[in-house]
Each structure stands twice: as C-alpha cells, then as structure tokens.
C-alpha cells in the first residue's frame, strides 16, 4: 500500500494547477512569464486573484489528499510523511510538464495539514505574518517552512526526516529568490 500511495502522490503532485488553469483561461504560461514559477504567487501576478486562489487550493489539496489516504490506509506517520514528500516532489518535478514545476510551498502546507495540523497552522500563520510585514512571498516561505521542524521534532518525531528533506528542497527551489533577497532585487507585492 505504501508504494502504491507514494506513486499516486507523485502523479497527483505532478498535476500543475497553475499551468492547467492558465491554459484553460488563456492566461500566460506561468513558467514563461512573471517569475517563471508555476505557483499561486505568480498566478496572482499573471492571471488575478481568482485563478491564484484556485491554484493555491489545488496545490494544497494535492499535498493533503495522499496523506489523508495514507492515514485511512492505516500507514504509520513516517510512511505518511514520505508519501507527502512524494506529492511535493511531483509538484517540484511534474511528470506531465517536462519536470518544470513550482516551489512546493502550498503542497507542503497540505502535507502538514494532513500530518499534524498544528504544524500547518504554525507555517500558515508565519507565512501570513511575514508576508504582511514584508510583502515578499519568497521570504515568507523561507521563514515559514523551516519553522515547523522544531514542533515536528517535539510532537511528531517520526515525520521529522521526510519533513526536513521537504524543507531543504523548498529552500533549494528558492535559491534564486535568496540571491535576489540578498541583492535587494526580490519582487514585492
């Protein structure tokens, strides 16, 4: 069951709501316009609030659904976390879109919501507060994602290793944003 759900999670994660919604609406391909990222923030820039919210919800659900299915299948928390990581890998490297995906933040939030809702609440709150104060989505993601690791280490240690890998992948996907932040060139809203 673990391997079946891991494959399902990757394939579901590979479904890029930003790309699909941009094609359906006639909006620019988010990989070719704006920041070049297939995620909700770039969709907000390119296609407006409605499509950005739909992208956010779709990306969140593709992290949540595989974890919930793993819970229902009776898999332990370590296996649930690895399955969640597979969904994020699908988002980062989507099979259907030449392995050019988003940065995984919303999908990771969905994974956390399924694994341990207090960690998801912490991450979402930290993201919202940081974004409110700085108007910078990438900085909000870079602060919110690692912030959950101490809470997971304390309350859900079995999930810590896959969630650490997930955090490192998200930071790695934001490496260009980090360069821009340090150089003072990062985009603000």
Protein backbone atom coordinates (compact mmCIF):
# COMPACT_ATOMS: atom_id res chain seq x y z
CA UNK A 1 0.00 0.00 0.00
CA UNK A 2 2.87 2.39 0.80
CA UNK A 3 4.38 2.19 -2.69
CA UNK A 4 1.01 2.46 -4.40
CA UNK A 5 0.19 5.63 -2.43
CA UNK A 6 3.69 7.03 -2.99
CA UNK A 7 3.29 6.67 -6.77
CA UNK A 8 -0.23 8.11 -6.60
CA UNK A 9 1.08 11.05 -4.55
CA UNK A 10 3.80 11.81 -7.09
CA UNK A 11 1.38 11.59 -10.02
CA UNK A 12 -1.18 13.79 -8.25
CA UNK A 13 1.56 16.22 -7.25
CA UNK A 14 2.61 16.40 -10.91
CA UNK A 15 -0.74 17.93 -11.81
CA UNK A 16 0.14 21.63 -12.03
CA UNK A 17 -2.95 23.70 -11.33
CA UNK A 18 -1.14 26.88 -12.36
CA UNK A 19 -0.36 25.51 -15.81
CA UNK A 20 -3.77 23.88 -16.33
CA UNK A 21 -5.68 26.96 -15.19
CA UNK A 22 -3.53 29.29 -17.28
CA UNK A 23 -4.21 27.16 -20.37
CA UNK A 24 -7.95 26.98 -19.68
CA UNK A 25 -8.21 30.73 -19.09
CA UNK A 26 -5.91 31.83 -21.91
CA UNK A 27 -3.51 33.40 -19.40
CA UNK A 28 0.25 33.35 -19.98
CA UNK A 29 2.12 30.16 -19.09
CA UNK A 30 3.45 30.86 -15.57
CA UNK A 31 6.70 29.06 -16.41
CA UNK A 32 7.37 31.55 -19.22
CA UNK A 33 6.08 34.77 -17.64
CA UNK A 34 6.37 36.71 -14.41
CA UNK A 35 8.72 34.95 -12.02
CA UNK A 36 8.73 31.78 -14.15
CA UNK A 37 7.24 29.78 -11.28
CA UNK A 38 4.18 27.56 -11.65
CA UNK A 39 2.57 28.53 -8.36
CA UNK A 40 -0.12 30.66 -6.77
CA UNK A 41 2.01 33.79 -6.27
CA UNK A 42 2.95 34.00 -9.93
CA UNK A 43 -0.64 33.25 -10.92
CA UNK A 44 -1.70 36.24 -8.83
CA UNK A 45 0.69 38.42 -10.83
CA UNK A 46 -0.31 36.98 -14.20
CA UNK A 47 -3.97 35.98 -14.01
CA UNK A 48 -5.52 37.65 -10.98
CA UNK A 49 -6.87 36.72 -7.58
CA UNK A 50 -9.47 34.12 -8.65
CA UNK A 51 -7.03 31.88 -10.53
CA UNK A 52 -4.39 32.39 -7.83
CA UNK A 53 -6.82 31.18 -5.15
CA UNK A 54 -7.84 28.18 -7.28
CA UNK A 55 -4.16 27.36 -7.83
CA UNK A 56 -3.46 27.65 -4.11
CA UNK A 57 -6.38 25.39 -3.18
CA UNK A 58 -5.49 22.82 -5.84
CA UNK A 59 -1.84 22.73 -4.78
CA UNK A 60 -2.83 22.47 -1.11
CA UNK A 61 -5.21 19.57 -1.81
CA UNK A 62 -2.66 17.60 -3.79
CA UNK A 63 -0.48 17.55 -0.67
CA UNK A 64 -3.37 16.83 1.68
CA UNK A 65 -5.21 14.06 -0.21
CA UNK A 66 -2.37 11.49 -0.38
CA UNK A 67 -1.61 11.95 3.34
CA UNK A 68 -5.28 11.54 4.27
CA UNK A 69 -5.43 8.38 2.13
CA UNK A 70 -2.32 7.08 3.90
CA UNK A 71 -3.97 7.75 7.27
CA UNK A 72 -7.12 5.93 6.12
CA UNK A 73 -4.97 3.00 4.92
CA UNK A 74 -3.50 2.69 8.42
CA UNK A 75 0.06 3.60 7.47
CA UNK A 76 2.25 4.95 10.25
CA UNK A 77 3.23 8.61 10.45
CA UNK A 78 6.68 8.06 9.00
CA UNK A 79 5.13 6.46 5.90
CA UNK A 80 2.50 9.22 5.71
CA UNK A 81 5.27 11.83 5.73
CA UNK A 82 7.23 10.08 2.96
CA UNK A 83 4.05 9.87 0.88
CA UNK A 84 3.52 13.59 1.44
CA UNK A 85 7.06 14.24 0.29
CA UNK A 86 6.28 12.33 -2.92
CA UNK A 87 3.41 14.75 -3.60
CA UNK A 88 5.77 17.69 -3.15
CA UNK A 89 8.33 16.03 -5.45
CA UNK A 90 5.58 15.75 -8.06
CA UNK A 91 4.87 19.46 -7.70
CA UNK A 92 8.56 20.38 -7.97
CA UNK A 93 9.29 17.99 -10.84
CA UNK A 94 5.97 17.28 -12.59
CA UNK A 95 5.95 14.29 -14.91
CA UNK A 96 3.30 15.88 -17.14
CA UNK A 97 5.07 19.22 -17.64
CA UNK A 98 8.68 18.31 -18.51
CA UNK A 99 9.68 18.31 -14.83
CA UNK A 100 9.32 22.12 -14.59
CA UNK A 101 7.09 22.82 -11.63
CA UNK A 102 6.59 25.20 -8.77
CA UNK A 103 8.36 25.68 -5.48
CA UNK A 104 6.20 23.37 -3.37
CA UNK A 105 5.08 25.70 -0.59
CA UNK A 106 1.30 25.24 -0.88
CA UNK A 107 1.63 21.49 -1.48
CA UNK A 108 3.87 21.23 1.59
CA UNK A 109 1.24 23.11 3.61
CA UNK A 110 -1.30 20.49 2.51
CA UNK A 111 1.05 17.71 3.60
CA UNK A 112 1.50 19.34 7.01
CA UNK A 113 -2.25 19.81 7.32
CA UNK A 114 -2.71 16.07 6.88
CA UNK A 115 0.22 15.03 9.08
CA UNK A 116 -0.05 17.40 12.00
CA UNK A 117 -2.49 20.35 11.73
CA UNK A 118 -0.77 22.47 14.44
CA UNK A 119 2.41 22.49 12.32
CA UNK A 120 0.38 23.58 9.29
CA UNK A 121 -1.26 26.32 11.35
CA UNK A 122 2.16 27.50 12.54
CA UNK A 123 3.52 27.56 8.98
CA UNK A 124 0.49 29.35 7.54
CA UNK A 125 0.48 31.91 10.37
CA UNK A 126 4.21 32.56 9.97
CA UNK A 127 3.80 32.89 6.20
CA UNK A 128 0.90 35.35 6.55
CA UNK A 129 2.66 37.45 9.18
CA UNK A 130 5.93 37.60 7.23
CA UNK A 131 4.10 38.42 4.01
CA UNK A 132 2.05 41.12 5.76
CA UNK A 133 5.21 42.73 7.16
CA UNK A 134 7.45 42.39 4.09
CA UNK A 135 5.08 41.91 1.10
CA UNK A 136 7.54 39.25 -0.11
CA UNK A 137 6.18 35.78 -0.79
CA UNK A 138 9.55 34.04 -1.08
CA UNK A 139 10.80 35.40 2.25
CA UNK A 140 7.54 34.29 3.87
CA UNK A 141 8.04 30.76 2.52
CA UNK A 142 11.70 30.65 3.58
CA UNK A 143 10.76 31.61 7.14
CA UNK A 144 7.56 29.57 7.49
CA UNK A 145 8.76 26.21 6.17
CA UNK A 146 11.74 25.55 8.49
CA UNK A 147 9.83 26.98 11.45
CA UNK A 148 7.75 23.80 11.62
CA UNK A 149 10.71 21.46 12.15
CA UNK A 150 11.22 22.05 15.90
CA UNK A 151 7.50 21.48 16.51
CA UNK A 152 7.59 18.26 14.48
CA UNK A 153 10.75 17.13 16.30
CA UNK A 154 8.96 17.60 19.60
CA UNK A 155 5.49 16.27 18.76
CA UNK A 156 5.85 14.04 15.68
CA UNK A 157 9.46 12.84 15.52
CA UNK A 158 8.69 10.04 13.04
CA UNK A 159 7.81 12.68 10.44
CA UNK A 160 10.94 14.76 11.04
CA UNK A 161 13.32 13.21 8.49
CA UNK A 162 10.97 13.41 5.46
CA UNK A 163 9.83 16.88 6.50
CA UNK A 164 13.45 18.00 6.82
CA UNK A 165 14.09 16.74 3.29
CA UNK A 166 10.95 18.59 2.16
CA UNK A 167 12.18 21.80 3.82
CA UNK A 168 15.61 21.51 2.21
CA UNK A 169 14.01 21.00 -1.21
CA UNK A 170 11.85 24.09 -0.77
CA UNK A 171 14.84 26.18 0.32
CA UNK A 172 16.81 24.83 -2.65
CA UNK A 173 13.97 25.75 -5.05
CA UNK A 174 14.09 29.28 -3.61
CA UNK A 175 17.85 29.68 -4.17
CA UNK A 176 17.30 32.32 -6.88
CA UNK A 177 14.97 34.19 -4.54
CA UNK A 178 17.64 34.06 -1.83
CA UNK A 179 20.17 35.63 -4.20
CA UNK A 180 17.64 38.33 -5.11
CA UNK A 181 16.77 38.95 -1.45
CA UNK A 182 20.41 39.45 -0.52
CA UNK A 183 20.95 41.69 -3.56
CA UNK A 184 17.80 43.74 -2.85
CA UNK A 185 16.16 42.72 -6.15
CA UNK A 186 13.38 40.44 -4.89
CA UNK A 187 9.88 41.26 -6.10
CA UNK A 188 7.39 42.67 -3.59
CA UNK A 189 3.64 42.97 -3.76
